[in-house]
Every structure is written in C-alpha cells, then in structure tokens.
Protein backbone atom coordinates (compact mmCIF):
# COMPACT_ATOMS: atom_id res chain seq x y z
CA MET A 1 -23.04 -16.85 -40.61
CA SER A 2 -22.64 -20.15 -39.00
CA ARG A 3 -22.98 -20.79 -35.23
CA LEU A 4 -19.13 -21.39 -35.00
CA GLU A 5 -18.45 -18.03 -36.60
CA LYS A 6 -20.78 -16.06 -34.14
CA ILE A 7 -18.92 -17.81 -31.27
CA GLU A 8 -15.88 -17.12 -32.71
CA LYS A 9 -16.77 -13.45 -33.31
CA GLU A 10 -18.04 -13.20 -29.68
CA LEU A 11 -15.00 -14.64 -28.12
CA LEU A 12 -12.95 -12.08 -30.05
CA LYS A 13 -15.01 -9.33 -28.48
CA ALA A 14 -14.76 -11.14 -25.21
CA ARG A 15 -10.91 -11.10 -25.52
CA GLU A 16 -10.61 -7.62 -26.48
CA LYS A 17 -12.82 -6.26 -23.34
CA ALA A 18 -10.71 -8.61 -21.18
CA ALA A 19 -7.50 -6.80 -22.60
CA GLU A 20 -9.17 -3.37 -21.96
CA TRP A 21 -10.17 -4.46 -18.38
CA GLN A 22 -6.60 -5.66 -17.70
CA ALA A 23 -5.47 -2.22 -18.56
CA LYS A 24 -7.80 -0.50 -16.59
CA VAL A 25 -6.79 -2.77 -13.37
CA ARG A 26 -3.12 -1.81 -14.29
CA ASP A 27 -3.93 1.77 -14.23
CA LEU A 28 -5.76 1.77 -11.30
CA GLU A 29 -3.28 -0.24 -9.47
CA LYS A 30 -0.47 2.30 -10.44
CA GLN A 31 -2.88 5.05 -9.13
CA LYS A 32 -3.14 3.39 -5.82
CA GLN A 33 0.61 2.87 -5.49
CA GLU A 34 1.17 6.48 -6.38
CA GLU A 35 -1.36 7.71 -3.58
CA GLU A 36 -0.17 5.48 -0.95
CA ASN A 37 3.50 6.86 -1.86
CA VAL A 38 2.12 10.25 -1.61
CA MET A 39 0.74 9.44 1.89
CA ILE A 40 3.90 8.03 2.92
CA VAL A 41 5.71 11.24 2.05
CA GLN A 42 3.22 13.37 3.93
CA ALA A 43 3.42 11.22 7.05
CA VAL A 44 7.31 11.19 7.20
CA ARG A 45 7.27 14.90 6.38
CA SER A 46 4.88 15.71 9.34
CA LEU A 47 7.44 14.17 11.81
CA LYS A 48 9.65 17.18 10.73
CA LEU A 49 13.03 14.91 11.03
CA THR A 50 16.19 15.93 10.03
CA PRO A 51 17.76 13.60 7.54
CA ALA A 52 20.01 12.09 10.34
CA GLU A 53 16.86 11.60 12.43
CA LEU A 54 15.00 9.86 9.61
CA LEU A 55 17.91 7.70 9.04
CA SER A 56 18.30 6.84 12.76
CA PHE A 57 14.60 5.97 13.01
CA LEU A 58 14.48 3.77 9.86
CA ASP A 59 17.51 1.85 11.31
CA ASN A 60 15.84 1.35 14.60
CA PRO A 61 12.15 2.28 14.69
CA ASN A 62 11.60 1.36 18.28
CA VAL A 63 13.60 4.38 19.19
CA SER A 64 11.19 7.19 19.75
CA THR A 65 11.49 10.34 17.78
CA PRO A 66 11.23 13.80 19.24
CA GLY A 67 7.63 14.59 20.25
CA GLN A 68 6.56 11.00 19.92
CA LEU A 69 5.70 8.31 22.40
CA VAL A 70 6.79 4.71 21.31
CA PRO A 71 5.95 1.88 23.71
CA LYS A 72 8.72 -0.12 25.38
CA PRO A 73 8.87 -3.74 24.38
CA GLY A 74 6.51 -5.82 26.55
CA THR A 75 4.51 -3.19 27.76
CA ARG A 76 1.56 -3.69 25.09
CA LYS A 77 -1.84 -3.41 26.49
CA GLU A 78 -2.32 -6.89 25.64
CA ASP A 79 0.75 -7.99 27.49
CA SER A 80 -0.55 -6.67 30.62
CA GLU A 81 -4.12 -8.01 30.11
CA HIS A 82 -2.70 -11.64 30.06
CA GLU A 83 -0.78 -10.85 33.29
CA GLU A 84 -3.94 -10.25 35.43
C-alpha cells in the first residue's frame, strides 16, 4: 500500500468520524432544546395563570401577575446607585 493510499484511507476514516460527531452534536442540541422547552413550560405552569392572564402577560410583560412583584420602570437598583 502506497503512502498516498494510506493517507486516503485515513482521510476516509476521519470523514466518517466527523459525520458521526456531527450527528451527535445535532442530537445533543435537540435534547438541549427539548429540555429548555420543558423548563419553560414548567415555569409558565408554576405561575398558575388562566389562559387570558397568560396572554395578557405575554402582551405586556412589565405588568405584574397575581402574586408577583415586577419593578416599576426606572426603579432598578443600578438606577438608584447612580443617583447618589
């Protein structure tokens, strides 16, 4: 087997491994996205909002929901520190 044939064989193996790793990366990205979606759904469900309240919240997230405090605009901690 010539040196060129050995290099071509090694290159073919490397390409196959690269394809396997790319498939693994795609699978892990899909799993990550699914887990993030589950976390989002759990967080939304923990708010215990009615569908109408959820829609209202999504339309205007600066308005507080029952049982939650949302800081008023311009009252962030950083804002008050700069004023001193």
